[in-house]
Amino acid sequence: MPFSQSFRRPSPSPARARGPVLAVGRRVYVARSEDGPAGVPLTDYAGANALATLADGNEVEILAWRPGGHGTRYRVRSTPDGLEGWLGVGNLRSARSAVSPTPTASAAPAAGSALPRAKQSEASGRRFGQRAH
């Protein structure tokens, strides 16, 4: 009886949602959407009922996470007052203040100014990182 191998191509994985991946136990900050209200609703497990409202920049600790079709949700506890509930990944950020979305132009060195250079080592007569031949 011949042995036949059938090759099955694995099914494609579903598209991953873009956004930060946050660890349980980490402390992060509440982030409101640009066009949204100043407060972010802290909801129940289903996301249907608002339990409280947290202000933008409020520190929270991540207690659990739940993947979902409409984005990952995190169970959080507000550090100042102990409120617990669920927030979407889009309502969390790692920095206390919001990062400005406007790009800044990099400053070009002034004409005639030289970039700082490494000094030569006094002991060997070579610059730091320069190999001896």
N, C-alpha and C. Protein backbone atom coordinates (compact mmCIF):
# COMPACT_ATOMS: atom_id res chain seq x y z
N MET A 1 0.85 -1.17 0.00
CA MET A 1 0.00 0.00 0.00
C MET A 1 0.89 1.23 0.00
N PRO A 2 0.79 2.06 -1.01
CA PRO A 2 1.66 3.24 -1.09
C PRO A 2 1.23 4.30 -0.06
N PHE A 3 2.24 4.99 0.41
CA PHE A 3 2.01 6.07 1.37
C PHE A 3 1.85 7.36 0.60
N SER A 4 0.73 8.01 0.77
CA SER A 4 0.53 9.28 0.06
C SER A 4 0.52 10.43 1.06
N GLN A 5 1.19 11.47 0.67
CA GLN A 5 1.19 12.67 1.50
C GLN A 5 0.33 13.72 0.81
N SER A 6 -0.54 14.27 1.54
CA SER A 6 -1.32 15.37 0.98
C SER A 6 -0.87 16.65 1.66
N PHE A 7 -0.57 17.61 0.85
CA PHE A 7 -0.10 18.89 1.38
C PHE A 7 -1.30 19.81 1.49
N ARG A 8 -1.51 20.27 2.70
CA ARG A 8 -2.59 21.24 2.90
C ARG A 8 -1.97 22.59 3.23
N ARG A 9 -2.39 23.53 2.51
CA ARG A 9 -1.93 24.89 2.76
C ARG A 9 -2.69 25.42 3.98
N PRO A 10 -1.98 26.01 4.93
CA PRO A 10 -2.67 26.52 6.11
C PRO A 10 -3.63 27.64 5.73
N SER A 11 -4.73 27.72 6.45
CA SER A 11 -5.69 28.78 6.16
C SER A 11 -5.08 30.13 6.51
N PRO A 12 -5.40 31.14 5.75
CA PRO A 12 -4.80 32.45 6.03
C PRO A 12 -5.27 32.97 7.37
N SER A 13 -4.36 33.61 8.09
CA SER A 13 -4.73 34.16 9.39
C SER A 13 -5.51 35.44 9.17
N PRO A 14 -6.41 35.74 10.09
CA PRO A 14 -7.18 36.97 9.93
C PRO A 14 -6.28 38.19 10.04
N ALA A 15 -6.70 39.26 9.43
CA ALA A 15 -5.91 40.49 9.47
C ALA A 15 -5.82 40.99 10.90
N ARG A 16 -4.65 41.41 11.28
CA ARG A 16 -4.46 41.91 12.64
C ARG A 16 -4.84 43.38 12.70
N ALA A 17 -5.43 43.73 13.82
CA ALA A 17 -5.76 45.13 14.04
C ALA A 17 -4.49 45.90 14.36
N ARG A 18 -4.37 47.07 13.83
CA ARG A 18 -3.20 47.89 14.10
C ARG A 18 -3.41 48.62 15.42
N GLY A 19 -2.34 48.80 16.13
CA GLY A 19 -2.42 49.52 17.40
C GLY A 19 -1.40 48.97 18.35
N PRO A 20 -1.23 49.64 19.48
CA PRO A 20 -0.23 49.20 20.43
C PRO A 20 -0.63 47.89 21.10
N VAL A 21 0.36 47.14 21.52
CA VAL A 21 0.14 45.92 22.30
C VAL A 21 0.60 46.27 23.72
N LEU A 22 -0.31 46.16 24.67
CA LEU A 22 -0.02 46.58 26.03
C LEU A 22 -0.05 45.38 26.96
N ALA A 23 0.89 45.32 27.88
CA ALA A 23 1.02 44.19 28.80
C ALA A 23 0.14 44.38 30.03
N VAL A 24 -0.37 43.26 30.55
CA VAL A 24 -1.13 43.28 31.79
C VAL A 24 -0.18 43.70 32.91
N GLY A 25 -0.63 44.59 33.76
CA GLY A 25 0.19 45.10 34.85
C GLY A 25 0.84 46.44 34.53
N ARG A 26 0.85 46.81 33.27
CA ARG A 26 1.48 48.06 32.86
C ARG A 26 0.59 49.24 33.19
N ARG A 27 1.21 50.35 33.50
CA ARG A 27 0.46 51.59 33.74
C ARG A 27 0.53 52.45 32.49
N VAL A 28 -0.63 52.88 32.02
CA VAL A 28 -0.73 53.69 30.82
C VAL A 28 -1.68 54.84 31.11
N TYR A 29 -1.97 55.65 30.10
CA TYR A 29 -2.79 56.84 30.28
C TYR A 29 -3.98 56.81 29.33
N VAL A 30 -5.07 57.41 29.78
CA VAL A 30 -6.28 57.49 28.98
C VAL A 30 -6.05 58.50 27.86
N ALA A 31 -6.50 58.15 26.66
CA ALA A 31 -6.34 59.03 25.49
C ALA A 31 -7.70 59.24 24.85
N ARG A 32 -8.11 60.46 24.74
CA ARG A 32 -9.38 60.73 24.05
C ARG A 32 -9.09 60.90 22.57
N SER A 33 -10.10 60.69 21.74
CA SER A 33 -9.92 60.90 20.30
C SER A 33 -9.87 62.41 20.03
N GLU A 34 -9.23 62.78 18.94
CA GLU A 34 -9.07 64.21 18.62
C GLU A 34 -10.39 64.95 18.55
N ASP A 35 -11.37 64.36 17.92
CA ASP A 35 -12.65 65.04 17.75
C ASP A 35 -13.69 64.64 18.79
N GLY A 36 -13.30 63.81 19.74
CA GLY A 36 -14.23 63.33 20.75
C GLY A 36 -14.33 64.23 21.96
N PRO A 37 -15.19 63.85 22.91
CA PRO A 37 -15.34 64.65 24.13
C PRO A 37 -14.09 64.55 25.00
N ALA A 38 -14.01 65.43 26.00
CA ALA A 38 -12.84 65.48 26.88
C ALA A 38 -12.71 64.23 27.73
N GLY A 39 -13.83 63.56 28.03
CA GLY A 39 -13.79 62.35 28.84
C GLY A 39 -13.99 61.11 27.99
N VAL A 40 -13.44 59.98 28.46
CA VAL A 40 -13.56 58.70 27.76
C VAL A 40 -14.43 57.79 28.63
N PRO A 41 -15.48 57.19 28.05
CA PRO A 41 -16.36 56.34 28.86
C PRO A 41 -15.69 55.01 29.22
N LEU A 42 -15.73 54.67 30.49
CA LEU A 42 -15.27 53.40 31.03
C LEU A 42 -16.50 52.50 31.01
N THR A 43 -16.46 51.39 30.27
CA THR A 43 -17.66 50.59 30.05
C THR A 43 -17.62 49.25 30.77
N ASP A 44 -18.75 48.55 30.71
CA ASP A 44 -18.83 47.20 31.26
C ASP A 44 -18.21 46.22 30.27
N TYR A 45 -18.23 44.93 30.60
CA TYR A 45 -17.59 43.90 29.79
C TYR A 45 -18.08 43.92 28.34
N ALA A 46 -19.37 44.09 28.14
CA ALA A 46 -19.95 44.08 26.80
C ALA A 46 -19.69 45.37 26.04
N GLY A 47 -19.31 46.42 26.74
CA GLY A 47 -19.07 47.70 26.09
C GLY A 47 -20.33 48.49 25.84
N ALA A 48 -21.44 48.03 26.40
CA ALA A 48 -22.73 48.66 26.15
C ALA A 48 -23.06 49.77 27.15
N ASN A 49 -22.69 49.58 28.40
CA ASN A 49 -23.07 50.54 29.45
C ASN A 49 -21.85 51.28 29.96
N ALA A 50 -21.95 52.61 29.99
CA ALA A 50 -20.87 53.42 30.55
C ALA A 50 -20.98 53.41 32.07
N LEU A 51 -19.89 53.04 32.73
CA LEU A 51 -19.86 52.99 34.19
C LEU A 51 -19.38 54.30 34.78
N ALA A 52 -18.46 54.94 34.10
CA ALA A 52 -17.89 56.21 34.55
C ALA A 52 -17.21 56.86 33.35
N THR A 53 -16.71 58.07 33.56
CA THR A 53 -15.97 58.78 32.52
C THR A 53 -14.60 59.14 33.08
N LEU A 54 -13.56 58.83 32.33
CA LEU A 54 -12.19 59.15 32.73
C LEU A 54 -11.67 60.30 31.88
N ALA A 55 -10.96 61.20 32.51
CA ALA A 55 -10.41 62.36 31.81
C ALA A 55 -9.17 61.96 31.01
N ASP A 56 -8.91 62.68 29.94
CA ASP A 56 -7.73 62.47 29.12
C ASP A 56 -6.48 62.65 30.00
N GLY A 57 -5.54 61.70 29.92
CA GLY A 57 -4.32 61.77 30.71
C GLY A 57 -4.41 61.09 32.06
N ASN A 58 -5.58 60.55 32.43
CA ASN A 58 -5.74 59.85 33.70
C ASN A 58 -4.93 58.55 33.66
N GLU A 59 -4.15 58.25 34.69
CA GLU A 59 -3.33 57.04 34.73
C GLU A 59 -4.20 55.84 35.11
N VAL A 60 -4.02 54.74 34.37
CA VAL A 60 -4.75 53.50 34.65
C VAL A 60 -3.77 52.33 34.61
N GLU A 61 -4.13 51.26 35.32
CA GLU A 61 -3.33 50.03 35.31
C GLU A 61 -4.11 48.99 34.54
N ILE A 62 -3.45 48.27 33.64
CA ILE A 62 -4.10 47.24 32.84
C ILE A 62 -4.24 45.97 33.68
N LEU A 63 -5.46 45.47 33.78
CA LEU A 63 -5.74 44.27 34.56
C LEU A 63 -5.94 43.04 33.68
N ALA A 64 -6.49 43.22 32.49
CA ALA A 64 -6.75 42.11 31.57
C ALA A 64 -6.95 42.69 30.18
N TRP A 65 -6.99 41.79 29.19
CA TRP A 65 -7.26 42.23 27.82
C TRP A 65 -8.17 41.21 27.15
N ARG A 66 -8.84 41.66 26.10
CA ARG A 66 -9.74 40.80 25.36
C ARG A 66 -9.67 41.18 23.88
N PRO A 67 -9.24 40.23 23.04
CA PRO A 67 -9.23 40.53 21.61
C PRO A 67 -10.67 40.58 21.10
N GLY A 68 -10.86 41.30 20.05
CA GLY A 68 -12.21 41.39 19.51
C GLY A 68 -12.20 41.75 18.06
N GLY A 69 -13.32 41.54 17.41
CA GLY A 69 -13.45 41.85 15.99
C GLY A 69 -13.34 43.33 15.70
N HIS A 70 -13.70 44.15 16.66
CA HIS A 70 -13.66 45.60 16.45
C HIS A 70 -12.50 46.25 17.19
N GLY A 71 -11.52 45.45 17.58
CA GLY A 71 -10.35 45.99 18.27
C GLY A 71 -10.20 45.38 19.65
N THR A 72 -8.98 45.37 20.11
CA THR A 72 -8.68 44.84 21.43
C THR A 72 -9.21 45.78 22.50
N ARG A 73 -9.73 45.19 23.57
CA ARG A 73 -10.22 45.98 24.71
C ARG A 73 -9.42 45.57 25.94
N TYR A 74 -9.22 46.52 26.83
CA TYR A 74 -8.44 46.29 28.04
C TYR A 74 -9.27 46.62 29.28
N ARG A 75 -9.20 45.72 30.27
CA ARG A 75 -9.82 46.00 31.57
C ARG A 75 -8.79 46.79 32.35
N VAL A 76 -9.21 47.95 32.85
CA VAL A 76 -8.29 48.85 33.53
C VAL A 76 -8.84 49.27 34.88
N ARG A 77 -7.92 49.71 35.75
CA ARG A 77 -8.29 50.29 37.04
C ARG A 77 -7.66 51.67 37.10
N SER A 78 -8.48 52.67 37.35
CA SER A 78 -7.99 54.04 37.46
C SER A 78 -7.12 54.15 38.71
N THR A 79 -5.92 54.65 38.57
CA THR A 79 -4.98 54.74 39.70
C THR A 79 -5.46 55.70 40.78
N PRO A 80 -5.93 56.91 40.44
CA PRO A 80 -6.31 57.84 41.50
C PRO A 80 -7.54 57.42 42.31
N ASP A 81 -8.56 56.87 41.66
CA ASP A 81 -9.82 56.63 42.38
C ASP A 81 -10.27 55.17 42.41
N GLY A 82 -9.57 54.25 41.76
CA GLY A 82 -9.89 52.83 41.83
C GLY A 82 -11.06 52.36 40.98
N LEU A 83 -11.57 53.21 40.09
CA LEU A 83 -12.67 52.78 39.20
C LEU A 83 -12.16 51.71 38.24
N GLU A 84 -12.98 50.69 37.97
CA GLU A 84 -12.60 49.62 37.05
C GLU A 84 -13.62 49.50 35.93
N GLY A 85 -13.13 49.17 34.74
CA GLY A 85 -13.99 48.97 33.59
C GLY A 85 -13.13 48.68 32.36
N TRP A 86 -13.75 48.73 31.18
CA TRP A 86 -13.10 48.37 29.93
C TRP A 86 -12.93 49.59 29.03
N LEU A 87 -11.75 49.66 28.38
CA LEU A 87 -11.45 50.70 27.39
C LEU A 87 -10.91 50.05 26.13
N GLY A 88 -11.17 50.65 24.99
CA GLY A 88 -10.61 50.19 23.73
C GLY A 88 -9.15 50.58 23.62
N VAL A 89 -8.41 49.86 22.80
CA VAL A 89 -6.99 50.13 22.62
C VAL A 89 -6.75 51.54 22.10
N GLY A 90 -7.69 52.09 21.36
CA GLY A 90 -7.55 53.45 20.84
C GLY A 90 -7.67 54.51 21.91
N ASN A 91 -8.13 54.15 23.09
CA ASN A 91 -8.28 55.10 24.19
C ASN A 91 -7.16 54.97 25.22
N LEU A 92 -6.04 54.35 24.84
CA LEU A 92 -4.90 54.21 25.74
C LEU A 92 -3.63 54.65 25.03
N ARG A 93 -2.72 55.23 25.79
CA ARG A 93 -1.41 55.62 25.26
C ARG A 93 -0.37 55.45 26.35
N SER A 94 0.89 55.36 25.96
CA SER A 94 1.95 55.12 26.94
C SER A 94 2.51 56.41 27.52
N ALA A 95 2.35 57.54 26.86
CA ALA A 95 2.86 58.82 27.36
C ALA A 95 1.78 59.57 28.12
N ARG A 96 2.19 60.32 29.14
CA ARG A 96 1.22 61.06 29.94
C ARG A 96 0.47 62.09 29.10
N SER A 97 1.20 62.84 28.27
CA SER A 97 0.55 63.84 27.43
C SER A 97 0.47 63.35 26.00
N ALA A 98 -0.49 63.88 25.28
CA ALA A 98 -0.68 63.49 23.88
C ALA A 98 0.51 63.95 23.07
N VAL A 99 0.91 63.12 22.12
CA VAL A 99 2.01 63.47 21.23
C VAL A 99 1.45 64.31 20.09
N SER A 100 2.12 65.41 19.80
CA SER A 100 1.68 66.29 18.74
C SER A 100 1.82 65.61 17.39
N PRO A 101 0.74 65.56 16.59
CA PRO A 101 0.81 64.89 15.30
C PRO A 101 1.52 65.71 14.23
N THR A 102 1.81 66.99 14.50
CA THR A 102 2.45 67.82 13.49
C THR A 102 3.93 67.52 13.43
N PRO A 103 4.43 67.19 12.24
CA PRO A 103 5.86 66.90 12.10
C PRO A 103 6.67 68.17 12.22
N THR A 104 7.84 68.06 12.81
CA THR A 104 8.73 69.21 12.90
C THR A 104 9.90 69.01 11.96
N ALA A 105 10.33 70.08 11.33
CA ALA A 105 11.45 69.99 10.39
C ALA A 105 12.73 69.84 11.19
N SER A 106 13.61 68.97 10.72
CA SER A 106 14.88 68.79 11.42
C SER A 106 15.76 70.00 11.16
N ALA A 107 16.41 70.45 12.18
CA ALA A 107 17.27 71.62 12.05
C ALA A 107 18.56 71.24 11.32
N ALA A 108 18.86 71.96 10.26
CA ALA A 108 20.09 71.71 9.51
C ALA A 108 21.22 72.48 10.19
N PRO A 109 22.44 71.95 10.20
CA PRO A 109 23.54 72.68 10.81
C PRO A 109 23.80 73.98 10.06
N ALA A 110 24.19 75.00 10.79
CA ALA A 110 24.47 76.29 10.18
C ALA A 110 25.68 76.17 9.26
N ALA A 111 25.68 77.00 8.23
CA ALA A 111 26.78 76.96 7.27
C ALA A 111 28.08 77.31 7.97
N GLY A 112 29.11 76.53 7.72
CA GLY A 112 30.41 76.80 8.30
C GLY A 112 30.62 76.14 9.66
N SER A 113 29.55 75.63 10.26
CA SER A 113 29.73 74.97 11.57
C SER A 113 30.07 73.51 11.33
N ALA A 114 31.03 73.04 12.06
CA ALA A 114 31.48 71.66 11.91
C ALA A 114 30.75 70.78 12.91
N LEU A 115 30.50 69.54 12.54
CA LEU A 115 29.91 68.59 13.45
C LEU A 115 30.95 68.20 14.49
N PRO A 116 30.54 67.90 15.73
CA PRO A 116 31.52 67.50 16.73
C PRO A 116 32.20 66.21 16.32
N ARG A 117 33.49 66.12 16.56
CA ARG A 117 34.27 64.95 16.18
C ARG A 117 34.83 64.30 17.43
N ALA A 118 35.10 63.01 17.32
CA ALA A 118 35.70 62.28 18.44
C ALA A 118 37.13 62.75 18.65
N LYS A 119 37.50 62.82 19.92
CA LYS A 119 38.88 63.22 20.23
C LYS A 119 39.79 62.00 20.12
N GLN A 120 41.05 62.26 19.86
CA GLN A 120 42.02 61.17 19.78
C GLN A 120 42.39 60.73 21.18
N SER A 121 42.57 59.44 21.33
CA SER A 121 42.99 58.89 22.61
C SER A 121 44.42 59.33 22.87
N GLU A 122 44.68 59.84 24.06
CA GLU A 122 46.03 60.31 24.38
C GLU A 122 47.00 59.15 24.53
N ALA A 123 46.52 57.98 24.97
CA ALA A 123 47.41 56.85 25.23
C ALA A 123 47.88 56.20 23.94
N SER A 124 47.04 56.07 22.94
CA SER A 124 47.42 55.31 21.75
C SER A 124 47.57 56.16 20.50
N GLY A 125 47.14 57.40 20.55
CA GLY A 125 47.24 58.24 19.37
C GLY A 125 46.13 57.94 18.37
N ARG A 126 45.10 57.13 18.77
CA ARG A 126 43.98 56.80 17.88
C ARG A 126 42.70 57.40 18.43
N ARG A 127 41.76 57.63 17.53
CA ARG A 127 40.43 58.04 17.95
C ARG A 127 39.69 56.84 18.52
N PHE A 128 38.73 57.09 19.35
CA PHE A 128 37.92 56.01 19.92
C PHE A 128 37.27 55.23 18.80
N GLY A 129 37.39 53.91 18.86
CA GLY A 129 36.80 53.05 17.85
C GLY A 129 37.68 52.81 16.64
N GLN A 130 38.77 53.53 16.51
CA GLN A 130 39.65 53.36 15.37
C GLN A 130 40.54 52.15 15.63
N ARG A 131 40.67 51.29 14.63
CA ARG A 131 41.47 50.08 14.78
C ARG A 131 42.94 50.35 14.59
N ALA A 132 43.75 49.56 15.28
CA ALA A 132 45.20 49.65 15.11
C ALA A 132 45.58 48.79 13.90
N HIS A 133 46.47 49.28 13.08
CA HIS A 133 46.86 48.51 11.88
C HIS A 133 48.17 47.83 12.06
